[in-house]
Amino acid sequence: MQLPDLPGDAPSVLFVDDEPASRKWFALEFGDEFRVVTAGGADEALAILAERSAEFGVLVTDYRMPERDGMKLLRAVQRDFRHVVRLLATAYAEKDVAIAAVNQGKVLRILEKPLDGDATREALREAFSLYRAQALERVVNEGRVAALREALGFLAHELNTPLATVRGYVGSVAARYIPPAADGAPGVARFSEEYPGELLTALERAERRALYCQSLVSTFVQSARDAYPDAVPQSIAASSLVEALLDEFPFEENERSFVHVDVRRDFRLPGRRDLLYLVLCTLTKNALIALRGRPQPQIWLEVDADPAAPAGQRACIRVRDNGPGIPPQVLAKLTKEPVTTRSGSGGSGMGLMFCQRVMQAINGAIRVDSVVGEGAAVTLFFQPQGS
C-alpha cells in the first residue's frame, strides 16, 4: 500500500530548558539529524506550539524550571497538542516525578540528566517513529470518517426519492378507501379503483421501493462495519454485483425488460461490495432517467477482463445506453465537478462525483464516453484480484 503524504514529514523537536548552555549543547549535538528548536521555559514553549504546532513532532523538556516546571508543560501539551510525542529530561529521579510523568504527561521516555548523547539520540529516533505511526493512523481514521460521512450523505440522497414514492403510493391507496356502510360486513375493507388491479400494482411498486431502500441501508451498515480497523475486506465477482443490482433495483413497470447483461470474462472486484453496489445503482439510475420517453430504450451492463488491454483497463464494468447522449460541454466537466442536465428535477450532479471518489479509493478509474444522439457509456476500470 502506498502511504499518504503526512503533514510534517520532517518534523522538528522542541527542546525546553532554562539553562542556555544546555539548549546550545542539545542543538549542536542533534542538529545533524533532527531539526531542533529550543525554548527557555514552559511559557515560551507553549507560545511556539500555539503558533507552529504542526511543525513539531517531539517535545523534550527539563523538569526543574522556574515559574512552571516540566510536568505542567507536559500536561498542557498532552491536553492541547496531543500529536506531539513527549520526553522528560530530569536529574531528579524521584519516584513520584516518574509516575506523574507517565500518568499525567503521557511521556514516552524519561531521560536522565546529564543527557547521554547516544541514548538520547536513540530515544529521539524512537519518538519520531512513534510520531509518524500515529500520524499515519490519524490520516487513515480521518479517511474512514470522511468516507462514511460521504456515503451517509449519498445514502440520504438516494433514499429520498424511493421513500417519497412509497409515501405517494400508500397515500393514493389510503385515499381510495371507502368507509363501511352501517350494514357492512365486518372485517372487510373496500377501496375504489380506476381500473382493475390498480391498487395491487401500487402496493407492489411501493414494496419494491421499500426493499430497495432496505438494501441501501444494509449496504451502508456494511460500509460502516468495514471502516473499522482489521475488518476483513469483501471481495465478490463482478457478475455477482450485476446480479445483485438486477435483483434489488426498483425498476419501474417494464424497465427491467430493456436491461441486458453481457458477462464476457468475469473477475473479482478489489473494493468493498457495498460502495461498488451504490456506484452501480447510481449509474443505472442515471441511464434509466436519460432513457425516459425514448423509443426502444436499451441498457447494457457489460463485464469484461481482457489481459491484452492496456494496464489499468484490463478489467471493467460498463453501463451503456442508447439514450440522447451527453452534450460535449457537459461531458468535459463530468467526474471533475458537480454538473447535471436534470437540475429542474432535483439533480445535483454529485452522484458521478461520488462514483469517482469510490473508484479512486480502490486505485480504479472511471471514464465517460458519449456521442450526442447515440447514447452514453460509463466504464469502471478495476485492478482485478484474480478470477
Foldseek 3Di string as FASTA:
>chain_A
DDFDDFQQPQAAEEEEALDPVLLVCVCVLCVVPHHYDYDNDLVRVVVVCVVPVSRHAEYEYEADDPPDGPLVSLLVCVVPPVLHAYEYEYQDPDPVVVVSCCPRSVHPYYAYPPGDSVVVVVVVVVSVVVSVVVRSVVVLLVVLVVLLVVLVVVLVVVLVVLVVLLVVLVVVQVVQWDDADPPGDPPDTDGDDPDPCPNVVSVVLNVLSVQLNVLLVVLSVVSNVCSDPPRDADKDKPVVLVVVCLVRPRDPDCVSVQEEEAEDDIFMFDHHSSLVSLLVNLLVVVQVVQCVPPPSKHWYWYWAAQPPDPPLARTKTKIWIQGQWDDPVQQVCQLPDQDDPPVVPPGTSCSRVSSQVRLVVQVHGWHKDTDGNGTIMIMITGDTPGD
